[in-house]
Amino acid sequence: MSSGAQFRVGIAVSLLGAGLAAPPALAVGGDQNSGEAGLYAGQCLLDEYAGLEPDDDLLYGARLGAFMTPTWSLEFSYQQLSTESALGVDLDITSYRGNALYNFLPGRRFRPFLTAGLSLESTEIDDQDADGPGVNLGGGVRWLLSDHFGLRLDGRFVYTDVGGSVDEGQTNIEATAGVVFAWGGGPPADTDRDGVPDRKDDCPGTPLGATVDLRGCPKDSDGDRVFDGIDACPDTASGCPVDDKGCPLDSDGDGVIDCQDKCAGTVKGCAVDAAGCPKDEDGDRVCDGTDTCAGTATGCTVDATGCPTDEDGDGVCDGIDECAGTVKGCTVDAAGCPKDEDGDRVCDGVDKCPGTLAGRTVDTVGCEVLFVPEKGDLVLEGVTFENDSAQLEPESVATLDSVAASLVAWSEVRVEVEGHTDSTGSDAYNLELSQRRAEAVRDYLVGKGVDAARLAAKGYGETQPITQNDTAEGRARNRRVELKKLS
């Protein structure tokens, strides 16, 4: 071995010795501020080196490294390879390298890594040096078999700018295996971070934050299977089901926990008692809290919101309405049945002519039908005057009020008010008296809201009798007021 080679071997031994001389600590290697040293050997696939075509051969080396963080580390290595070429030329390659490593899976014993670095590659060909810079890129895996000892596999590409007689770049491929010696790095490993070192922890994998005993096993004071320290409700009663935070479940959200709730599945929003059962003050089977019509009368049918239904819209709720299907607009009594004060079978509220005289024929809105084709003109029965006068007697009011209401309702009809007398007295006097009586009736109707433009008044005297005037009964019938439809 040349003196240069002997010098380089001495450097390697010194590098490894410095690492091994460091006192071991009670920590797993690969943590921040830990260090490692190692020896390795492997196979190198060499480039052609300007036609020398050296044989692929074994290499060996030593490395010394330190972790800056749990993932990043730096290392320096010394490596030696000696071989021969196909031409019988001796070839020695000595490498001095500085590399950065990115280490995966912090805290694990099996840790893959990637590495890249710079190097000084010293190539000696038959005692002639051809030094040059180099770069390398690779990866591997470190496997710690104990806190301080492990195995390591590497593979990398190395590019070297070889000088001297070669004077060109060369690319080599290296595969190595070796041993690792680790030290330093802080306190003993505590993978689940419960304060109990892994080597003493009988319950590895304890959830973070849980309170543990001296053996590293979690405590559960209330027995709800959610550990103390992460149990948000540490005093849960025995047997109560809890959520993942250790708090009693309230499945229906009524404020009464499941283990005390005697009415599980209460509708959301219902007011409940201490036992978790819905309250229903008005007894309509819609619970307080969701009942938007509190105080509903007993017996009323209600909708989903607790409000009474009223299918016929008469203001009396279904369930107590004894007359379902009342016509819209009818005034009803407390039982929901239509009122009909004038007995014309058209209910109050719909009846536009209240107070129709009994026995009169009315239309659908309760107004007397004044003109029937088969009867001709309408004789106003019950309309009387004071003797030899156009002054209406009080008993005439009911008939005229009914007629007025009908005329107001039938606004498109024009009417002639006809006055008639019996044959007593002169023709001229009877004509004048009948005119005044016709006008009196017209004026009364106008006063009750009938448009005056729709009414004409005409007296016919004794010219149109409806029976003989030779009896008192006949003369009474002839003294009359009639309505004649004009259009």
Foldseek 3Di string as FASTA:
>chain_A
DDPVVVVLVVVQVVQQVVFVPDDFDQAAFLAAFKKKKKKKKWWKAWFCLQPQAWDTDMKIKMKIKHHNHSFKIKMWMWMWDWTGGPVGKIKIKIKTWIKMKGWPDRPDQKIKIWMKTKIWIWMAINNRTFIWIKIKTWIWIWGAPDRFKTKIKIKMKMWTCTGDPSRGIIIMIIIMIIMMGMHDRDDYDQPQPQPAHPVQAPDPPDHPQFHDDNSNHFDQQQPQPAGPRQQPDNPDHPPAHDDNSNHGDQPQPQPAGPVQAPDPPPHPQFHDDNSNHFDQVCPQPAGPRQQPDHPDHPQFHADNSNHFDQVQPQPAGPRQQPDHPPHPQFHADNSNHFDQVQPQPAGPRQAQQHLQHPPFHADNSNAGDQDDPVVAWHWQPQFDAPPLALHTDPSSVSSLSSVLSNCVVVVVWAKEKEFEAAPPDDQVSQQVRRQSNQVSSLVVSVVNPRPSVRYHYGYDGHPDQPDDRPDPVSRVRRRTMIMHIDD
